[in-house]
Amino acid sequence: MGGKSTETVEQNTVGPLNLALVKKPFKNTHYSVPKKSKNLKQILTMEKAQEFALHVPTYQNIECPPSVMPQKKYCDVTGLDASYTDPKTTLRYHNAEIYQFIRTLGVPNVQTYLGSRNAAVVLK
């Protein structure tokens, strides 16, 4: 009876029991090459070559209204977000350490920092 059960087990199994001997394909047969994306320069050159109707929106004719959000203010010294403004020099600064630095600046240096954001006062 023991011999019959092992014969039926061997007959019911399909293929070799050692998985190292099973042949596996090198490539996945269901793999497809993903579609490559195009950068903005390629899209613009393609749009220039094609003729679109005036009512069709493209990257070159899209117009949008100005932003409703207030313009961000940046520190004149570090370039970080500026939460404060010095009332004497009108320089924008990020924290107290930069404020101490601004207080030590002379008038020509303050004018240089203000000139970097086109807010310099020209004295005549």
PDB file of N, CA and C in Angstrom:
ATOM      1  N   MET A   1       0.819  -1.182   0.000  1.00  0.00           N
ATOM      2  CA  MET A   1       0.000   0.000   0.000  1.00  0.00           C
ATOM      3  C   MET A   1       0.863   1.245   0.000  1.00  0.00           C
ATOM      4  N   GLY A   2       2.020   1.210   0.709  1.00  0.00           N
ATOM      5  CA  GLY A   2       2.906   2.358   0.746  1.00  0.00           C
ATOM      6  C   GLY A   2       3.511   2.636  -0.604  1.00  0.00           C
ATOM      7  N   GLY A   3       3.767   1.578  -1.409  1.00  0.00           N
ATOM      8  CA  GLY A   3       4.361   1.756  -2.724  1.00  0.00           C
ATOM      9  C   GLY A   3       3.396   2.376  -3.699  1.00  0.00           C
ATOM     10  N   LYS A   4       2.130   2.073  -3.589  1.00  0.00           N
ATOM     11  CA  LYS A   4       1.122   2.615  -4.506  1.00  0.00           C
ATOM     12  C   LYS A   4       0.926   4.104  -4.278  1.00  0.00           C
ATOM     13  N   SER A   5       0.971   4.548  -3.025  1.00  0.00           N
ATOM     14  CA  SER A   5       0.738   5.961  -2.739  1.00  0.00           C
ATOM     15  C   SER A   5       1.882   6.824  -3.283  1.00  0.00           C
ATOM     16  N   THR A   6       3.126   6.342  -3.218  1.00  0.00           N
ATOM     17  CA  THR A   6       4.238   7.119  -3.752  1.00  0.00           C
ATOM     18  C   THR A   6       4.199   7.145  -5.272  1.00  0.00           C
ATOM     19  N   GLU A   7       3.693   6.071  -5.903  1.00  0.00           N
ATOM     20  CA  GLU A   7       3.561   6.064  -7.362  1.00  0.00           C
ATOM     21  C   GLU A   7       2.505   7.052  -7.807  1.00  0.00           C
ATOM     22  N   THR A   8       1.400   7.158  -7.088  1.00  0.00           N
ATOM     23  CA  THR A   8       0.344   8.099  -7.467  1.00  0.00           C
ATOM     24  C   THR A   8       0.799   9.533  -7.240  1.00  0.00           C
ATOM     25  N   VAL A   9       1.606   9.771  -6.208  1.00  0.00           N
ATOM     26  CA  VAL A   9       2.135  11.111  -5.971  1.00  0.00           C
ATOM     27  C   VAL A   9       3.069  11.483  -7.106  1.00  0.00           C
ATOM     28  N   GLU A  10       3.927  10.565  -7.540  1.00  0.00           N
ATOM     29  CA  GLU A  10       4.849  10.840  -8.635  1.00  0.00           C
ATOM     30  C   GLU A  10       4.104  11.044  -9.939  1.00  0.00           C
ATOM     31  N   GLN A  11       2.994  10.357 -10.142  1.00  0.00           N
ATOM     32  CA  GLN A  11       2.232  10.507 -11.374  1.00  0.00           C
ATOM     33  C   GLN A  11       1.452  11.813 -11.375  1.00  0.00           C
ATOM     34  N   ASN A  12       0.988  12.275 -10.199  1.00  0.00           N
ATOM     35  CA  ASN A  12       0.190  13.499 -10.117  1.00  0.00           C
ATOM     36  C   ASN A  12       1.047  14.763 -10.253  1.00  0.00           C
ATOM     37  N   THR A  13       2.314  14.729  -9.889  1.00  0.00           N
ATOM     38  CA  THR A  13       3.169  15.901 -10.014  1.00  0.00           C
ATOM     39  C   THR A  13       3.565  16.093 -11.465  1.00  0.00           C
ATOM     40  N   VAL A  14       3.542  17.322 -11.892  1.00  0.00           N
ATOM     41  CA  VAL A  14       3.887  17.649 -13.271  1.00  0.00           C
ATOM     42  C   VAL A  14       5.239  18.332 -13.258  1.00  0.00           C
ATOM     43  N   GLY A  15       6.175  17.849 -14.068  1.00  0.00           N
ATOM     44  CA  GLY A  15       7.479  18.461 -14.189  1.00  0.00           C
ATOM     45  C   GLY A  15       8.431  17.992 -13.122  1.00  0.00           C
ATOM     46  N   PRO A  16       9.684  18.463 -13.199  1.00  0.00           N
ATOM     47  CA  PRO A  16      10.702  18.016 -12.241  1.00  0.00           C
ATOM     48  C   PRO A  16      10.479  18.658 -10.873  1.00  0.00           C
ATOM     49  N   LEU A  17      10.891  17.967  -9.842  1.00  0.00           N
ATOM     50  CA  LEU A  17      10.753  18.492  -8.492  1.00  0.00           C
ATOM     51  C   LEU A  17      11.844  19.497  -8.165  1.00  0.00           C
ATOM     52  N   ASN A  18      12.981  19.441  -8.839  1.00  0.00           N
ATOM     53  CA  ASN A  18      14.072  20.377  -8.606  1.00  0.00           C
ATOM     54  C   ASN A  18      13.805  21.639  -9.433  1.00  0.00           C
ATOM     55  N   LEU A  19      13.532  22.776  -8.779  1.00  0.00           N
ATOM     56  CA  LEU A  19      13.199  24.010  -9.492  1.00  0.00           C
ATOM     57  C   LEU A  19      14.402  24.604 -10.220  1.00  0.00           C
ATOM     58  N   ALA A  20      15.600  24.202  -9.873  1.00  0.00           N
ATOM     59  CA  ALA A  20      16.785  24.702 -10.559  1.00  0.00           C
ATOM     60  C   ALA A  20      16.864  24.165 -11.982  1.00  0.00           C
ATOM     61  N   LEU A  21      16.203  23.023 -12.244  1.00  0.00           N
ATOM     62  CA  LEU A  21      16.236  22.432 -13.574  1.00  0.00           C
ATOM     63  C   LEU A  21      15.130  22.969 -14.486  1.00  0.00           C
ATOM     64  N   VAL A  22      14.183  23.725 -13.937  1.00  0.00           N
ATOM     65  CA  VAL A  22      13.090  24.265 -14.736  1.00  0.00           C
ATOM     66  C   VAL A  22      13.629  25.393 -15.596  1.00  0.00           C
ATOM     67  N   LYS A  23      13.315  25.379 -16.904  1.00  0.00           N
ATOM     68  CA  LYS A  23      13.766  26.435 -17.811  1.00  0.00           C
ATOM     69  C   LYS A  23      12.877  27.655 -17.631  1.00  0.00           C
ATOM     70  N   LYS A  24      13.510  28.803 -17.504  1.00  0.00           N
ATOM     71  CA  LYS A  24      12.786  30.064 -17.355  1.00  0.00           C
ATOM     72  C   LYS A  24      13.217  30.979 -18.500  1.00  0.00           C
ATOM     73  N   PRO A  25      12.274  31.710 -19.090  1.00  0.00           N
ATOM     74  CA  PRO A  25      12.668  32.626 -20.171  1.00  0.00           C
ATOM     75  C   PRO A  25      13.486  33.786 -19.600  1.00  0.00           C
ATOM     76  N   PHE A  26      14.449  34.288 -20.381  1.00  0.00           N
ATOM     77  CA  PHE A  26      15.308  35.384 -19.949  1.00  0.00           C
ATOM     78  C   PHE A  26      14.525  36.690 -19.844  1.00  0.00           C
ATOM     79  N   LYS A  27      13.671  36.962 -20.820  1.00  0.00           N
ATOM     80  CA  LYS A  27      12.908  38.192 -20.842  1.00  0.00           C
ATOM     81  C   LYS A  27      11.447  37.908 -20.537  1.00  0.00           C
ATOM     82  N   ASN A  28      10.819  38.873 -19.933  1.00  0.00           N
ATOM     83  CA  ASN A  28       9.386  38.791 -19.709  1.00  0.00           C
ATOM     84  C   ASN A  28       8.691  39.001 -21.050  1.00  0.00           C
ATOM     85  N   THR A  29       7.870  38.074 -21.452  1.00  0.00           N
ATOM     86  CA  THR A  29       7.225  38.174 -22.770  1.00  0.00           C
ATOM     87  C   THR A  29       6.145  39.245 -22.793  1.00  0.00           C
ATOM     88  N   HIS A  30       5.663  39.666 -21.645  1.00  0.00           N
ATOM     89  CA  HIS A  30       4.601  40.674 -21.586  1.00  0.00           C
ATOM     90  C   HIS A  30       5.145  42.096 -21.401  1.00  0.00           C
ATOM     91  N   TYR A  31       6.470  42.246 -21.369  1.00  0.00           N
ATOM     92  CA  TYR A  31       7.072  43.564 -21.154  1.00  0.00           C
ATOM     93  C   TYR A  31       6.988  44.378 -22.434  1.00  0.00           C
ATOM     94  N   SER A  32       6.600  45.650 -22.295  1.00  0.00           N
ATOM     95  CA  SER A  32       6.615  46.563 -23.430  1.00  0.00           C
ATOM     96  C   SER A  32       7.417  47.796 -23.037  1.00  0.00           C
ATOM     97  N   VAL A  33       8.065  48.417 -23.991  1.00  0.00           N
ATOM     98  CA  VAL A  33       8.902  49.582 -23.742  1.00  0.00           C
ATOM     99  C   VAL A  33       7.999  50.753 -23.372  1.00  0.00           C
ATOM    100  N   PRO A  34       8.270  51.443 -22.247  1.00  0.00           N
ATOM    101  CA  PRO A  34       7.423  52.581 -21.877  1.00  0.00           C
ATOM    102  C   PRO A  34       7.592  53.731 -22.860  1.00  0.00           C
ATOM    103  N   LYS A  35       6.515  54.496 -23.026  1.00  0.00           N
ATOM    104  CA  LYS A  35       6.544  55.635 -23.940  1.00  0.00           C
ATOM    105  C   LYS A  35       7.428  56.729 -23.348  1.00  0.00           C
ATOM    106  N   LYS A  36       8.344  57.246 -24.132  1.00  0.00           N
ATOM    107  CA  LYS A  36       9.253  58.275 -23.651  1.00  0.00           C
ATOM    108  C   LYS A  36       8.540  59.622 -23.655  1.00  0.00           C
ATOM    109  N   SER A  37       8.759  60.388 -22.593  1.00  0.00           N
ATOM    110  CA  SER A  37       8.149  61.708 -22.510  1.00  0.00           C
ATOM    111  C   SER A  37       9.032  62.724 -23.240  1.00  0.00           C
ATOM    112  N   LYS A  38       8.416  63.806 -23.654  1.00  0.00           N
ATOM    113  CA  LYS A  38       9.141  64.851 -24.373  1.00  0.00           C
ATOM    114  C   LYS A  38       9.311  66.055 -23.460  1.00  0.00           C
ATOM    115  N   ASN A  39      10.425  66.756 -23.623  1.00  0.00           N
ATOM    116  CA  ASN A  39      10.620  67.952 -22.833  1.00  0.00           C
ATOM    117  C   ASN A  39       9.936  69.133 -23.512  1.00  0.00           C
ATOM    118  N   LEU A  40       9.898  70.274 -22.811  1.00  0.00           N
ATOM    119  CA  LEU A  40       9.165  71.439 -23.298  1.00  0.00           C
ATOM    120  C   LEU A  40       9.727  71.954 -24.622  1.00  0.00           C
ATOM    121  N   LYS A  41      11.027  71.902 -24.799  1.00  0.00           N
ATOM    122  CA  LYS A  41      11.640  72.393 -26.032  1.00  0.00           C
ATOM    123  C   LYS A  41      11.168  71.573 -27.232  1.00  0.00           C
ATOM    124  N   GLN A  42      11.075  70.267 -27.064  1.00  0.00           N
ATOM    125  CA  GLN A  42      10.600  69.418 -28.155  1.00  0.00           C
ATOM    126  C   GLN A  42       9.135  69.701 -28.474  1.00  0.00           C
ATOM    127  N   ILE A  43       8.331  69.926 -27.439  1.00  0.00           N
ATOM    128  CA  ILE A  43       6.918  70.224 -27.662  1.00  0.00           C
ATOM    129  C   ILE A  43       6.754  71.542 -28.399  1.00  0.00           C
ATOM    130  N   LEU A  44       7.532  72.550 -28.021  1.00  0.00           N
ATOM    131  CA  LEU A  44       7.428  73.862 -28.670  1.00  0.00           C
ATOM    132  C   LEU A  44       7.853  73.804 -30.133  1.00  0.00           C
ATOM    133  N   THR A  45       8.909  73.062 -30.435  1.00  0.00           N
ATOM    134  CA  THR A  45       9.337  72.969 -31.837  1.00  0.00           C
ATOM    135  C   THR A  45       8.305  72.201 -32.667  1.00  0.00           C
ATOM    136  N   MET A  46       7.655  71.222 -32.076  1.00  0.00           N
ATOM    137  CA  MET A  46       6.594  70.509 -32.806  1.00  0.00           C
ATOM    138  C   MET A  46       5.398  71.421 -33.058  1.00  0.00           C
ATOM    139  N   GLU A  47       5.066  72.280 -32.072  1.00  0.00           N
ATOM    140  CA  GLU A  47       3.938  73.189 -32.234  1.00  0.00           C
ATOM    141  C   GLU A  47       4.223  74.252 -33.289  1.00  0.00           C
ATOM    142  N   LYS A  48       5.481  74.693 -33.381  1.00  0.00           N
ATOM    143  CA  LYS A  48       5.824  75.685 -34.397  1.00  0.00           C
ATOM    144  C   LYS A  48       5.662  75.114 -35.803  1.00  0.00           C
ATOM    145  N   ALA A  49       5.950  73.834 -35.945  1.00  0.00           N
ATOM    146  CA  ALA A  49       5.864  73.199 -37.257  1.00  0.00           C
ATOM    147  C   ALA A  49       4.413  72.975 -37.682  1.00  0.00           C
ATOM    148  N   GLN A  50       3.502  72.819 -36.728  1.00  0.00           N
ATOM    149  CA  GLN A  50       2.102  72.552 -37.056  1.00  0.00           C
ATOM    150  C   GLN A  50       1.310  73.848 -37.060  1.00  0.00           C
ATOM    151  N   GLU A  51       0.255  73.853 -37.844  1.00  0.00           N
ATOM    152  CA  GLU A  51      -0.639  75.000 -37.897  1.00  0.00           C
ATOM    153  C   GLU A  51      -1.919  74.652 -37.150  1.00  0.00           C
ATOM    154  N   PHE A  52      -2.230  75.418 -36.121  1.00  0.00           N
ATOM    155  CA  PHE A  52      -3.440  75.209 -35.342  1.00  0.00           C
ATOM    156  C   PHE A  52      -4.408  76.357 -35.592  1.00  0.00           C
ATOM    157  N   ALA A  53      -5.678  76.103 -35.365  1.00  0.00           N
ATOM    158  CA  ALA A  53      -6.671  77.168 -35.422  1.00  0.00           C
ATOM    159  C   ALA A  53      -6.448  78.105 -34.239  1.00  0.00           C
ATOM    160  N   LEU A  54      -6.961  79.325 -34.329  1.00  0.00           N
ATOM    161  CA  LEU A  54      -6.718  80.314 -33.285  1.00  0.00           C
ATOM    162  C   LEU A  54      -7.387  79.942 -31.965  1.00  0.00           C
ATOM    163  N   HIS A  55      -8.482  79.195 -32.029  1.00  0.00           N
ATOM    164  CA  HIS A  55      -9.201  78.867 -30.794  1.00  0.00           C
ATOM    165  C   HIS A  55      -8.612  77.655 -30.063  1.00  0.00           C
ATOM    166  N   VAL A  56      -7.638  76.977 -30.657  1.00  0.00           N
ATOM    167  CA  VAL A  56      -7.015  75.808 -30.025  1.00  0.00           C
ATOM    168  C   VAL A  56      -5.887  76.293 -29.114  1.00  0.00           C
ATOM    169  N   PRO A  57      -5.932  75.968 -27.806  1.00  0.00           N
ATOM    170  CA  PRO A  57      -4.862  76.429 -26.906  1.00  0.00           C
ATOM    171  C   PRO A  57      -3.574  75.637 -27.108  1.00  0.00           C
ATOM    172  N   THR A  58      -2.450  76.340 -27.143  1.00  0.00           N
ATOM    173  CA  THR A  58      -1.126  75.720 -27.216  1.00  0.00           C
ATOM    174  C   THR A  58      -0.258  76.345 -26.130  1.00  0.00           C
ATOM    175  N   TYR A  59       0.974  75.874 -25.998  1.00  0.00           N
ATOM    176  CA  TYR A  59       1.868  76.423 -24.981  1.00  0.00           C
ATOM    177  C   TYR A  59       2.250  77.870 -25.293  1.00  0.00           C
ATOM    178  N   GLN A  60       2.135  78.278 -26.534  1.00  0.00           N
ATOM    179  CA  GLN A  60       2.575  79.613 -26.906  1.00  0.00           C
ATOM    180  C   GLN A  60       1.460  80.639 -26.857  1.00  0.00           C
ATOM    181  N   ASN A  61       0.196  80.227 -26.861  1.00  0.00           N
ATOM    182  CA  ASN A  61      -0.870  81.217 -26.875  1.00  0.00           C
ATOM    183  C   ASN A  61      -1.754  81.182 -25.632  1.00  0.00           C
ATOM    184  N   ILE A  62      -1.368  80.438 -24.616  1.00  0.00           N
ATOM    185  CA  ILE A  62      -2.158  80.402 -23.381  1.00  0.00           C
ATOM    186  C   ILE A  62      -1.893  81.682 -22.596  1.00  0.00           C
ATOM    187  N   GLU A  63      -2.961  82.343 -22.203  1.00  0.00           N
ATOM    188  CA  GLU A  63      -2.843  83.547 -21.399  1.00  0.00           C
ATOM    189  C   GLU A  63      -3.553  83.302 -20.069  1.00  0.00           C
ATOM    190  N   CYS A  64      -2.993  83.833 -19.012  1.00  0.00           N
ATOM    191  CA  CYS A  64      -3.635  83.677 -17.713  1.00  0.00           C
ATOM    192  C   CYS A  64      -3.645  85.029 -17.003  1.00  0.00           C
ATOM    193  N   PRO A  65      -4.614  85.229 -16.134  1.00  0.00           N
ATOM    194  CA  PRO A  65      -4.657  86.490 -15.397  1.00  0.00           C
ATOM    195  C   PRO A  65      -3.559  86.533 -14.346  1.00  0.00           C
ATOM    196  N   PRO A  66      -3.254  87.706 -13.823  1.00  0.00           N
ATOM    197  CA  PRO A  66      -2.244  87.790 -12.781  1.00  0.00           C
ATOM    198  C   PRO A  66      -2.687  87.041 -11.520  1.00  0.00           C
ATOM    199  N   SER A  67      -1.735  86.641 -10.738  1.00  0.00           N
ATOM    200  CA  SER A  67      -2.015  85.868  -9.534  1.00  0.00           C
ATOM    201  C   SER A  67      -2.753  86.710  -8.504  1.00  0.00           C
ATOM    202  N   VAL A  68      -3.646  86.070  -7.764  1.00  0.00           N
ATOM    203  CA  VAL A  68      -4.392  86.744  -6.717  1.00  0.00           C
ATOM    204  C   VAL A  68      -3.596  86.737  -5.414  1.00  0.00           C
ATOM    205  N   MET A  69      -2.648  85.807  -5.311  1.00  0.00           N
ATOM    206  CA  MET A  69      -1.831  85.701  -4.109  1.00  0.00           C
ATOM    207  C   MET A  69      -0.846  86.879  -4.040  1.00  0.00           C
ATOM    208  N   PRO A  70      -0.534  87.355  -2.835  1.00  0.00           N
ATOM    209  CA  PRO A  70       0.445  88.447  -2.732  1.00  0.00           C
ATOM    210  C   PRO A  70       1.842  87.959  -3.119  1.00  0.00           C
ATOM    211  N   GLN A  71       2.635  88.885  -3.644  1.00  0.00           N
ATOM    212  CA  GLN A  71       3.982  88.541  -4.083  1.00  0.00           C
ATOM    213  C   GLN A  71       4.843  88.193  -2.874  1.00  0.00           C
ATOM    214  N   LYS A  72       5.664  87.135  -3.000  1.00  0.00           N
ATOM    215  CA  LYS A  72       6.532  86.725  -1.895  1.00  0.00           C
ATOM    216  C   LYS A  72       7.660  87.731  -1.725  1.00  0.00           C
ATOM    217  N   LYS A  73       8.051  87.943  -0.473  1.00  0.00           N
ATOM    218  CA  LYS A  73       9.147  88.855  -0.171  1.00  0.00           C
ATOM    219  C   LYS A  73      10.314  88.043   0.352  1.00  0.00           C
ATOM    220  N   TYR A  74      11.511  88.361  -0.137  1.00  0.00           N
ATOM    221  CA  TYR A  74      12.711  87.623   0.227  1.00  0.00           C
ATOM    222  C   TYR A  74      13.708  88.548   0.922  1.00  0.00           C
ATOM    223  N   CYS A  75      14.514  87.956   1.785  1.00  0.00           N
ATOM    224  CA  CYS A  75      15.537  88.693   2.515  1.00  0.00           C
ATOM    225  C   CYS A  75      16.563  89.248   1.523  1.00  0.00           C
ATOM    226  N   ASP A  76      16.915  90.524   1.696  1.00  0.00           N
ATOM    227  CA  ASP A  76      17.874  91.149   0.785  1.00  0.00           C
ATOM    228  C   ASP A  76      19.294  90.629   0.997  1.00  0.00           C
ATOM    229  N   VAL A  77      19.593  90.077   2.158  1.00  0.00           N
ATOM    230  CA  VAL A  77      20.942  89.623   2.462  1.00  0.00           C
ATOM    231  C   VAL A  77      21.107  88.141   2.131  1.00  0.00           C
ATOM    232  N   THR A  78      20.166  87.296   2.586  1.00  0.00           N
ATOM    233  CA  THR A  78      20.327  85.849   2.453  1.00  0.00           C
ATOM    234  C   THR A  78      19.505  85.238   1.332  1.00  0.00           C
ATOM    235  N   GLY A  79      18.397  85.847   0.944  1.00  0.00           N
ATOM    236  CA  GLY A  79      17.535  85.268  -0.074  1.00  0.00           C
ATOM    237  C   GLY A  79      16.471  84.356   0.498  1.00  0.00           C
ATOM    238  N   LEU A  80      16.403  84.221   1.825  1.00  0.00           N
ATOM    239  CA  LEU A  80      15.364  83.419   2.465  1.00  0.00           C
ATOM    240  C   LEU A  80      14.068  84.221   2.543  1.00  0.00           C
ATOM    241  N   ASP A  81      12.983  83.576   2.960  1.00  0.00           N
ATOM    242  CA  ASP A  81      11.712  84.293   3.128  1.00  0.00           C
ATOM    243  C   ASP A  81      11.893  85.414   4.139  1.00  0.00           C
ATOM    244  N   ALA A  82      11.432  86.607   3.779  1.00  0.00           N
ATOM    245  CA  ALA A  82      11.580  87.761   4.664  1.00  0.00           C
ATOM    246  C   ALA A  82      10.265  88.019   5.375  1.00  0.00           C
ATOM    247  N   SER A  83      10.313  87.922   6.687  1.00  0.00           N
ATOM    248  CA  SER A  83       9.123  88.193   7.487  1.00  0.00           C
ATOM    249  C   SER A  83       9.121  89.618   8.020  1.00  0.00           C
ATOM    250  N   TYR A  84      10.270  90.296   7.965  1.00  0.00           N
ATOM    251  CA  TYR A  84      10.416  91.601   8.602  1.00  0.00           C
ATOM    252  C   TYR A  84      11.049  92.604   7.648  1.00  0.00           C
ATOM    253  N   THR A  85      10.817  93.893   7.936  1.00  0.00           N
ATOM    254  CA  THR A  85      11.428  94.981   7.170  1.00  0.00           C
ATOM    255  C   THR A  85      12.018  95.985   8.148  1.00  0.00           C
ATOM    256  N   ASP A  86      13.242  96.403   7.898  1.00  0.00           N
ATOM    257  CA  ASP A  86      13.890  97.403   8.739  1.00  0.00           C
ATOM    258  C   ASP A  86      13.282  98.757   8.404  1.00  0.00           C
ATOM    259  N   PRO A  87      12.715  99.473   9.382  1.00  0.00           N
ATOM    260  CA  PRO A  87      12.063 100.751   9.067  1.00  0.00           C
ATOM    261  C   PRO A  87      13.042 101.845   8.653  1.00  0.00           C
ATOM    262  N   LYS A  88      14.275 101.770   9.127  1.00  0.00           N
ATOM    263  CA  LYS A  88      15.245 102.817   8.813  1.00  0.00           C
ATOM    264  C   LYS A  88      15.791 102.676   7.394  1.00  0.00           C
ATOM    265  N   THR A  89      16.159 101.467   7.004  1.00  0.00           N
ATOM    266  CA  THR A  89      16.795 101.264   5.694  1.00  0.00           C
ATOM    267  C   THR A  89      15.845 100.653   4.669  1.00  0.00           C
ATOM    268  N   THR A  90      14.693 100.184   5.089  1.00  0.00           N
ATOM    269  CA  THR A  90      13.695  99.463   4.269  1.00  0.00           C
ATOM    270  C   THR A  90      14.254  98.173   3.673  1.00  0.00           C
ATOM    271  N   LEU A  91      15.316  97.627   4.270  1.00  0.00           N
ATOM    272  CA  LEU A  91      15.828  96.327   3.845  1.00  0.00           C
ATOM    273  C   LEU A  91      14.960  95.236   4.468  1.00  0.00           C
ATOM    274  N   ARG A  92      14.693  94.219   3.711  1.00  0.00           N
ATOM    275  CA  ARG A  92      13.941  93.077   4.223  1.00  0.00           C
ATOM    276  C   ARG A  92      14.927  92.085   4.825  1.00  0.00           C
ATOM    277  N   TYR A  93      14.540  91.466   5.952  1.00  0.00           N
ATOM    278  CA  TYR A  93      15.438  90.509   6.587  1.00  0.00           C
ATOM    279  C   TYR A  93      14.661  89.316   7.123  1.00  0.00           C
ATOM    280  N   HIS A  94      15.402  88.232   7.388  1.00  0.00           N
ATOM    281  CA  HIS A  94      14.801  86.953   7.769  1.00  0.00           C
ATOM    282  C   HIS A  94      14.687  86.761   9.275  1.00  0.00           C
ATOM    283  N   ASN A  95      15.735  87.132  10.032  1.00  0.00           N
ATOM    284  CA  ASN A  95      15.697  86.927  11.481  1.00  0.00           C
ATOM    285  C   ASN A  95      16.527  88.001  12.187  1.00  0.00           C
ATOM    286  N   ALA A  96      16.616  87.893  13.511  1.00  0.00           N
ATOM    287  CA  ALA A  96      17.276  88.915  14.320  1.00  0.00           C
ATOM    288  C   ALA A  96      18.778  88.986  14.049  1.00  0.00           C
ATOM    289  N   GLU A  97      19.389  87.865  13.731  1.00  0.00           N
ATOM    290  CA  GLU A  97      20.824  87.863  13.455  1.00  0.00           C
ATOM    291  C   GLU A  97      21.137  88.715  12.217  1.00  0.00           C
ATOM    292  N   ILE A  98      20.324  88.610  11.219  1.00  0.00           N
ATOM    293  CA  ILE A  98      20.523  89.413  10.000  1.00  0.00           C
ATOM    294  C   ILE A  98      20.188  90.871  10.272  1.00  0.00           C
ATOM    295  N   TYR A  99      19.224  91.126  11.156  1.00  0.00           N
ATOM    296  CA  TYR A  99      18.901  92.510  11.533  1.00  0.00           C
ATOM    297  C   TYR A  99      20.099  93.182  12.186  1.00  0.00           C
ATOM    298  N   GLN A 100      20.809  92.456  13.044  1.00  0.00           N
ATOM    299  CA  GLN A 100      22.016  93.008  13.666  1.00  0.00           C
ATOM    300  C   GLN A 100      23.072  93.331  12.610  1.00  0.00           C
ATOM    301  N   PHE A 101      23.168  92.480  11.591  1.00  0.00           N
ATOM    302  CA  PHE A 101      24.112  92.741  10.501  1.00  0.00           C
ATOM    303  C   PHE A 101      23.698  93.988   9.717  1.00  0.00           C
ATOM    304  N   ILE A 102      22.412  94.155   9.467  1.00  0.00           N
ATOM    305  CA  ILE A 102      21.914  95.315   8.706  1.00  0.00           C
ATOM    306  C   ILE A 102      22.194  96.605   9.465  1.00  0.00           C
ATOM    307  N   ARG A 103      22.067  96.576  10.784  1.00  0.00           N
ATOM    308  CA  ARG A 103      22.305  97.784  11.578  1.00  0.00           C
ATOM    309  C   ARG A 103      23.764  98.249  11.482  1.00  0.00           C
ATOM    310  N   THR A 104      24.699  97.337  11.162  1.00  0.00           N
ATOM    311  CA  THR A 104      26.114  97.726  11.068  1.00  0.00           C
ATOM    312  C   THR A 104      26.489  98.238   9.675  1.00  0.00           C
ATOM    313  N   LEU A 105      25.587  98.113   8.702  1.00  0.00           N
ATOM    314  CA  LEU A 105      25.911  98.514   7.322  1.00  0.00           C
ATOM    315  C   LEU A 105      25.924 100.027   7.179  1.00  0.00           C
ATOM    316  N   GLY A 106      26.784 100.515   6.295  1.00  0.00           N
ATOM    317  CA  GLY A 106      26.815 101.922   5.965  1.00  0.00           C
ATOM    318  C   GLY A 106      25.835 102.219   4.829  1.00  0.00           C
ATOM    319  N   VAL A 107      25.682 103.499   4.530  1.00  0.00           N
ATOM    320  CA  VAL A 107      24.722 103.927   3.502  1.00  0.00           C
ATOM    321  C   VAL A 107      25.057 103.343   2.128  1.00  0.00           C
ATOM    322  N   PRO A 108      26.323 103.327   1.661  1.00  0.00           N
ATOM    323  CA  PRO A 108      26.599 102.755   0.334  1.00  0.00           C
ATOM    324  C   PRO A 108      26.250 101.266   0.255  1.00  0.00           C
ATOM    325  N   ASN A 109      26.497 100.536   1.350  1.00  0.00           N
ATOM    326  CA  ASN A 109      26.165  99.109   1.341  1.00  0.00           C
ATOM    327  C   ASN A 109      24.659  98.884   1.321  1.00  0.00           C
ATOM    328  N   VAL A 110      23.932  99.711   2.059  1.00  0.00           N
ATOM    329  CA  VAL A 110      22.470  99.606   2.059  1.00  0.00           C
ATOM    330  C   VAL A 110      21.938  99.893   0.663  1.00  0.00           C
ATOM    331  N   GLN A 111      22.498 100.919  -0.001  1.00  0.00           N
ATOM    332  CA  GLN A 111      22.071 101.252  -1.367  1.00  0.00           C
ATOM    333  C   GLN A 111      22.364 100.096  -2.329  1.00  0.00           C
ATOM    334  N   THR A 112      23.467  99.393  -2.107  1.00  0.00           N
ATOM    335  CA  THR A 112      23.808  98.250  -2.954  1.00  0.00           C
ATOM    336  C   THR A 112      22.788  97.131  -2.785  1.00  0.00           C
ATOM    337  N   TYR A 113      22.421  96.839  -1.530  1.00  0.00           N
ATOM    338  CA  TYR A 113      21.421  95.791  -1.277  1.00  0.00           C
ATOM    339  C   TYR A 113      20.057  96.181  -1.844  1.00  0.00           C
ATOM    340  N   LEU A 114      19.682  97.452  -1.692  1.00  0.00           N
ATOM    341  CA  LEU A 114      18.412  97.910  -2.250  1.00  0.00           C
ATOM    342  C   LEU A 114      18.452  97.896  -3.776  1.00  0.00           C
ATOM    343  N   GLY A 115      19.609  98.182  -4.340  1.00  0.00           N
ATOM    344  CA  GLY A 115      19.753  98.158  -5.793  1.00  0.00           C
ATOM    345  C   GLY A 115      19.611  96.766  -6.367  1.00  0.00           C
ATOM    346  N   SER A 116      19.925  95.750  -5.578  1.00  0.00           N
ATOM    347  CA  SER A 116      19.800  94.376  -6.072  1.00  0.00           C
ATOM    348  C   SER A 116      18.350  93.994  -6.318  1.00  0.00           C
ATOM    349  N   ARG A 117      17.409  94.659  -5.638  1.00  0.00           N
ATOM    350  CA  ARG A 117      15.988  94.397  -5.923  1.00  0.00           C
ATOM    351  C   ARG A 117      15.306  95.600  -6.563  1.00  0.00           C
ATOM    352  N   ASN A 118      16.098  96.486  -7.137  1.00  0.00           N
ATOM    353  CA  ASN A 118      15.617  97.673  -7.853  1.00  0.00           C
ATOM    354  C   ASN A 118      14.765  98.572  -6.969  1.00  0.00           C
ATOM    355  N   ALA A 119      15.183  98.762  -5.723  1.00  0.00           N
ATOM    356  CA  ALA A 119      14.470  99.643  -4.809  1.00  0.00           C
ATOM    357  C   ALA A 119      15.392 100.715  -4.248  1.00  0.00           C
ATOM    358  N   ALA A 120      16.509 100.939  -4.905  1.00  0.00           N
ATOM    359  CA  ALA A 120      17.492 101.903  -4.408  1.00  0.00           C
ATOM    360  C   ALA A 120      16.969 103.328  -4.557  1.00  0.00           C
ATOM    361  N   VAL A 121      17.253 104.136  -3.548  1.00  0.00           N
ATOM    362  CA  VAL A 121      16.880 105.555  -3.573  1.00  0.00           C
ATOM    363  C   VAL A 121      18.095 106.327  -4.075  1.00  0.00           C
ATOM    364  N   VAL A 122      17.904 107.074  -5.143  1.00  0.00           N
ATOM    365  CA  VAL A 122      19.007 107.839  -5.702  1.00  0.00           C
ATOM    366  C   VAL A 122      18.929 109.247  -5.126  1.00  0.00           C
ATOM    367  N   LEU A 123      19.960 109.624  -4.388  1.00  0.00           N
ATOM    368  CA  LEU A 123      19.998 110.972  -3.796  1.00  0.00           C
ATOM    369  C   LEU A 123      20.797 111.898  -4.705  1.00  0.00           C
ATOM    370  N   LYS A 124      20.227 113.076  -4.971  1.00  0.00           N
ATOM    371  CA  LYS A 124      20.908 114.042  -5.840  1.00  0.00           C
ATOM    372  C   LYS A 124      21.229 115.297  -5.092  1.00  0.00           C
TER     373      LYS A 124
END
